[in-house]
């Protein structure tokens, strides 16, 4: 995959995550545990340059799919980040590809 195409895909995924977070803000609520988990996974995959996995995680957040059982019992995944924390993380990631 060319680097230009990779950058365009990364920007597209980043924009989708931003729209998801904006939707939460419009609803005046914070992400629930499932949404937060999948958004975090989408950003992690985005950072690791795995766009297909990132898109799949974003779809799971949109559908509010359950947290995988092996992750559900881990304490760090029980602390839900706020929209602002997620946006800050996304901004840091986005700085890498504009």
C-alpha atoms as a PDB file:
ATOM      1  CA  UNK A   1       0.000   0.000   0.000  1.00  0.00           C
ATOM      2  CA  UNK A   2       1.414   3.412  -0.890  1.00  0.00           C
ATOM      3  CA  UNK A   3       2.177   5.846   1.891  1.00  0.00           C
ATOM      4  CA  UNK A   4      -0.238   8.423   0.397  1.00  0.00           C
ATOM      5  CA  UNK A   5      -3.049   5.877   0.435  1.00  0.00           C
ATOM      6  CA  UNK A   6      -2.109   4.795   3.963  1.00  0.00           C
ATOM      7  CA  UNK A   7      -2.227   8.397   5.148  1.00  0.00           C
ATOM      8  CA  UNK A   8      -5.602   8.931   3.498  1.00  0.00           C
ATOM      9  CA  UNK A   9      -7.013   5.804   5.149  1.00  0.00           C
ATOM     10  CA  UNK A  10      -5.628   6.878   8.538  1.00  0.00           C
ATOM     11  CA  UNK A  11      -7.198  10.322   8.142  1.00  0.00           C
ATOM     12  CA  UNK A  12     -10.521   8.763   7.163  1.00  0.00           C
ATOM     13  CA  UNK A  13     -10.560   6.502  10.216  1.00  0.00           C
ATOM     14  CA  UNK A  14      -9.531   9.404  12.424  1.00  0.00           C
ATOM     15  CA  UNK A  15     -12.423  11.486  11.064  1.00  0.00           C
ATOM     16  CA  UNK A  16     -14.874   8.647  11.734  1.00  0.00           C
ATOM     17  CA  UNK A  17     -13.648   8.416  15.329  1.00  0.00           C
ATOM     18  CA  UNK A  18     -14.017  12.207  15.682  1.00  0.00           C
ATOM     19  CA  UNK A  19     -17.596  12.016  14.377  1.00  0.00           C
ATOM     20  CA  UNK A  20     -18.346   9.218  16.833  1.00  0.00           C
ATOM     21  CA  UNK A  21     -17.011  11.306  19.723  1.00  0.00           C
ATOM     22  CA  UNK A  22     -18.932  14.369  18.490  1.00  0.00           C
ATOM     23  CA  UNK A  23     -22.105  12.268  18.508  1.00  0.00           C
ATOM     24  CA  UNK A  24     -21.512  11.379  22.130  1.00  0.00           C
ATOM     25  CA  UNK A  25     -21.038  15.048  22.958  1.00  0.00           C
ATOM     26  CA  UNK A  26     -24.249  15.993  21.141  1.00  0.00           C
ATOM     27  CA  UNK A  27     -26.033  13.369  23.213  1.00  0.00           C
ATOM     28  CA  UNK A  28     -24.415  14.962  26.282  1.00  0.00           C
ATOM     29  CA  UNK A  29     -23.031  11.701  27.550  1.00  0.00           C
ATOM     30  CA  UNK A  30     -19.761   9.896  28.053  1.00  0.00           C
ATOM     31  CA  UNK A  31     -18.949   6.639  26.263  1.00  0.00           C
ATOM     32  CA  UNK A  32     -20.119   3.513  27.971  1.00  0.00           C
ATOM     33  CA  UNK A  33     -17.635   0.760  28.776  1.00  0.00           C
ATOM     34  CA  UNK A  34     -18.159  -1.082  25.489  1.00  0.00           C
ATOM     35  CA  UNK A  35     -17.914   2.010  23.302  1.00  0.00           C
ATOM     36  CA  UNK A  36     -14.806   3.201  25.110  1.00  0.00           C
ATOM     37  CA  UNK A  37     -13.097  -0.174  24.800  1.00  0.00           C
ATOM     38  CA  UNK A  38     -13.693  -0.442  21.056  1.00  0.00           C
ATOM     39  CA  UNK A  39     -12.743   3.195  20.381  1.00  0.00           C
ATOM     40  CA  UNK A  40      -9.498   2.651  22.305  1.00  0.00           C
ATOM     41  CA  UNK A  41      -8.834  -0.489  20.260  1.00  0.00           C
ATOM     42  CA  UNK A  42      -9.560   1.424  17.036  1.00  0.00           C
ATOM     43  CA  UNK A  43      -7.015   4.055  18.029  1.00  0.00           C
ATOM     44  CA  UNK A  44      -4.479   1.413  19.049  1.00  0.00           C
ATOM     45  CA  UNK A  45      -4.819  -0.317  15.669  1.00  0.00           C
ATOM     46  CA  UNK A  46      -4.630   3.054  13.925  1.00  0.00           C
ATOM     47  CA  UNK A  47      -1.379   3.802  15.736  1.00  0.00           C
ATOM     48  CA  UNK A  48      -0.009   0.382  14.732  1.00  0.00           C
ATOM     49  CA  UNK A  49      -0.934   1.018  11.065  1.00  0.00           C
ATOM     50  CA  UNK A  50      -3.551  -1.736  10.973  1.00  0.00           C
ATOM     51  CA  UNK A  51      -6.420   0.047   9.218  1.00  0.00           C
ATOM     52  CA  UNK A  52      -8.682  -2.964   8.685  1.00  0.00           C
ATOM     53  CA  UNK A  53      -8.542  -3.860  12.388  1.00  0.00           C
ATOM     54  CA  UNK A  54      -9.104  -0.210  13.275  1.00  0.00           C
ATOM     55  CA  UNK A  55     -12.195  -0.031  11.076  1.00  0.00           C
ATOM     56  CA  UNK A  56     -13.545  -3.260  12.565  1.00  0.00           C
ATOM     57  CA  UNK A  57     -13.061  -1.928  16.106  1.00  0.00           C
ATOM     58  CA  UNK A  58     -14.846   1.282  15.133  1.00  0.00           C
ATOM     59  CA  UNK A  59     -17.775  -0.720  13.734  1.00  0.00           C
ATOM     60  CA  UNK A  60     -17.924  -2.624  17.015  1.00  0.00           C
ATOM     61  CA  UNK A  61     -18.053   0.671  18.927  1.00  0.00           C
ATOM     62  CA  UNK A  62     -20.886   1.890  16.707  1.00  0.00           C
ATOM     63  CA  UNK A  63     -22.808  -1.358  17.311  1.00  0.00           C
ATOM     64  CA  UNK A  64     -21.881  -1.331  21.024  1.00  0.00           C
ATOM     65  CA  UNK A  65     -20.591  -4.898  20.777  1.00  0.00           C
ATOM     66  CA  UNK A  66     -19.581  -6.600  24.031  1.00  0.00           C
ATOM     67  CA  UNK A  67     -16.060  -6.350  25.374  1.00  0.00           C
ATOM     68  CA  UNK A  68     -14.174  -9.613  24.702  1.00  0.00           C
ATOM     69  CA  UNK A  69     -14.331 -11.914  27.757  1.00  0.00           C
ATOM     70  CA  UNK A  70     -10.551 -11.985  28.230  1.00  0.00           C
ATOM     71  CA  UNK A  71     -10.464  -8.174  28.406  1.00  0.00           C
ATOM     72  CA  UNK A  72     -13.667  -7.744  30.377  1.00  0.00           C
ATOM     73  CA  UNK A  73     -12.103  -9.090  33.562  1.00  0.00           C
ATOM     74  CA  UNK A  74      -9.016  -6.873  33.408  1.00  0.00           C
ATOM     75  CA  UNK A  75      -9.160  -3.903  35.759  1.00  0.00           C
ATOM     76  CA  UNK A  76      -7.821  -1.235  33.320  1.00  0.00           C
ATOM     77  CA  UNK A  77     -10.720  -1.923  30.950  1.00  0.00           C
ATOM     78  CA  UNK A  78     -13.219  -1.208  33.723  1.00  0.00           C
ATOM     79  CA  UNK A  79     -12.143   2.441  33.935  1.00  0.00           C
ATOM     80  CA  UNK A  80     -13.971   4.256  31.159  1.00  0.00           C
ATOM     81  CA  UNK A  81     -12.183   7.258  29.621  1.00  0.00           C
ATOM     82  CA  UNK A  82     -14.098  10.464  28.961  1.00  0.00           C
ATOM     83  CA  UNK A  83     -14.787  11.900  25.523  1.00  0.00           C
ATOM     84  CA  UNK A  84     -12.162  14.564  26.220  1.00  0.00           C
ATOM     85  CA  UNK A  85      -9.535  11.955  27.128  1.00  0.00           C
ATOM     86  CA  UNK A  86     -10.294  10.005  23.961  1.00  0.00           C
ATOM     87  CA  UNK A  87     -10.143  13.156  21.847  1.00  0.00           C
ATOM     88  CA  UNK A  88      -6.773  14.120  23.376  1.00  0.00           C
ATOM     89  CA  UNK A  89      -5.387  10.680  22.561  1.00  0.00           C
ATOM     90  CA  UNK A  90      -6.730  10.897  19.018  1.00  0.00           C
ATOM     91  CA  UNK A  91      -5.190  14.357  18.587  1.00  0.00           C
ATOM     92  CA  UNK A  92      -1.795  12.985  19.598  1.00  0.00           C
ATOM     93  CA  UNK A  93      -2.165  10.113  17.134  1.00  0.00           C
ATOM     94  CA  UNK A  94      -3.334  12.436  14.361  1.00  0.00           C
ATOM     95  CA  UNK A  95      -0.243  14.588  14.751  1.00  0.00           C
ATOM     96  CA  UNK A  96       1.712  11.713  13.186  1.00  0.00           C
ATOM     97  CA  UNK A  97      -0.101  11.844   9.874  1.00  0.00           C
ATOM     98  CA  UNK A  98      -1.650  15.299   9.714  1.00  0.00           C
END
